[in-house]
Amino acid sequence: MSLEMLTDDIESTAADLGESLPVELDRETRTELALLTAALGPEETDELVRRAIHGLFQTTVDTGRLDFHLRSGYDVTYDEYLSGMTYDEMTGADQYPQLDDERRYQF
């Protein structure tokens, strides 16, 4: 997998999700959402769901779990995705040929 494949998968999934997402809630989740709605009083429960997704995303980034899964599945990190370049591309490491240790010091 690669950075390009990750970008394609994200764009494809975002297009599939569209503007709205019907979600079925189990009893526990419905009760928790009702409690949060009563306590926080948002205009719509959609706002709490958006906040929950942002919170989960931030926690996943902060703990390094997102990078772990991206590295496992796509061989990139979140920083590489944001910059649009891999670390090798950023540092120029992919521009130099591999060294041949046997011929390194021969003239």
Protein backbone atom coordinates (compact mmCIF):
# COMPACT_ATOMS: atom_id res chain seq x y z
CA MET A 1 0.00 0.00 0.00
CA SER A 2 1.07 3.59 -0.44
CA LEU A 3 0.22 7.20 0.18
CA GLU A 4 -1.67 7.35 -3.12
CA MET A 5 -3.75 4.30 -2.20
CA LEU A 6 -4.60 5.84 1.20
CA THR A 7 -5.69 9.08 -0.45
CA ASP A 8 -7.82 7.17 -2.97
CA ASP A 9 -9.43 5.09 -0.20
CA ILE A 10 -10.22 8.21 1.87
CA GLU A 11 -11.75 10.04 -1.09
CA SER A 12 -13.76 6.97 -2.11
CA THR A 13 -15.09 6.39 1.42
CA ALA A 14 -15.96 10.08 1.87
CA ALA A 15 -17.91 9.98 -1.39
CA ASP A 16 -19.70 6.79 -0.30
CA LEU A 17 -20.67 8.37 3.05
CA GLY A 18 -22.22 11.39 1.37
CA GLU A 19 -23.66 14.24 3.42
CA SER A 20 -25.58 12.18 5.96
CA LEU A 21 -25.02 8.86 7.65
CA PRO A 22 -27.86 6.79 9.08
CA VAL A 23 -26.59 5.03 12.19
CA GLU A 24 -28.40 2.43 14.25
CA LEU A 25 -27.87 2.81 17.99
CA ASP A 26 -27.92 0.09 20.58
CA ARG A 27 -29.69 0.70 23.91
CA GLU A 28 -26.54 1.73 25.78
CA THR A 29 -25.45 4.21 23.10
CA ARG A 30 -28.96 5.66 22.83
CA THR A 31 -29.10 6.15 26.63
CA GLU A 32 -25.65 7.79 26.67
CA LEU A 33 -26.61 10.07 23.79
CA ALA A 34 -29.83 11.03 25.59
CA LEU A 35 -27.91 11.84 28.76
CA LEU A 36 -25.36 13.95 26.88
CA THR A 37 -28.17 15.75 25.03
CA ALA A 38 -29.95 16.53 28.29
CA ALA A 39 -26.75 17.71 29.98
CA LEU A 40 -25.17 19.67 27.14
CA GLY A 41 -28.31 20.87 25.40
CA PRO A 42 -27.16 21.04 21.79
CA GLU A 43 -29.56 22.21 19.08
CA GLU A 44 -29.57 18.70 17.56
CA THR A 45 -28.10 15.36 18.57
CA ASP A 46 -26.15 15.43 15.30
CA GLU A 47 -23.84 17.97 16.92
CA LEU A 48 -22.95 15.51 19.70
CA VAL A 49 -22.22 12.78 17.16
CA ARG A 50 -19.91 15.16 15.27
CA ARG A 51 -18.14 16.05 18.53
CA ALA A 52 -17.79 12.34 19.38
CA ILE A 53 -16.15 11.62 16.03
CA HIS A 54 -13.77 14.55 16.49
CA GLY A 55 -12.95 13.34 20.01
CA LEU A 56 -12.29 9.77 18.88
CA PHE A 57 -10.16 11.02 15.99
CA GLN A 58 -8.07 13.27 18.24
CA THR A 59 -7.56 10.52 20.82
CA THR A 60 -6.53 8.07 18.10
CA VAL A 61 -4.01 10.57 16.72
CA ASP A 62 -2.67 11.55 20.16
CA THR A 63 -2.10 7.96 21.30
CA GLY A 64 -0.36 6.95 18.06
CA ARG A 65 -2.97 4.34 17.18
CA LEU A 66 -3.78 6.07 13.90
CA ASP A 67 -0.14 6.01 12.81
CA PHE A 68 0.13 2.36 13.85
CA HIS A 69 -2.84 1.36 11.70
CA LEU A 70 -1.83 3.57 8.78
CA ARG A 71 1.71 2.18 8.86
CA SER A 72 0.35 -1.38 9.04
CA GLY A 73 -2.14 -0.93 6.22
CA TYR A 74 -0.59 1.69 3.95
CA ASP A 75 3.05 2.04 5.07
CA VAL A 76 2.57 5.76 5.77
CA THR A 77 1.89 7.95 8.81
CA TYR A 78 -0.70 10.64 9.38
CA ASP A 79 1.99 13.34 9.01
CA GLU A 80 2.97 11.85 5.66
CA TYR A 81 -0.67 11.89 4.57
CA LEU A 82 -1.07 15.53 5.62
CA SER A 83 2.06 16.61 3.78
CA GLY A 84 1.34 14.49 0.72
CA MET A 85 4.88 13.07 0.82
CA THR A 86 6.59 10.18 2.53
CA TYR A 87 9.52 10.84 4.88
CA ASP A 88 11.90 9.51 2.23
CA GLU A 89 10.51 12.02 -0.25
CA MET A 90 10.74 14.83 2.33
CA THR A 91 14.37 14.10 3.22
CA GLY A 92 15.53 13.21 -0.27
CA ALA A 93 16.55 9.71 0.84
CA ASP A 94 14.78 8.20 -2.16
CA GLN A 95 16.89 10.28 -4.59
CA TYR A 96 20.22 8.58 -3.97
CA PRO A 97 21.20 5.15 -5.25
CA GLN A 98 21.81 2.36 -2.75
CA LEU A 99 25.45 2.04 -1.68
CA ASP A 100 27.36 -1.03 -2.72
CA ASP A 101 29.41 -1.81 0.41
CA GLU A 102 31.86 -4.04 -1.47
CA ARG A 103 32.75 -1.30 -3.93
CA ARG A 104 32.40 1.64 -1.57
CA TYR A 105 36.09 2.35 -1.05
CA GLN A 106 37.47 1.21 -4.39
CA PHE A 107 38.89 3.79 -6.74
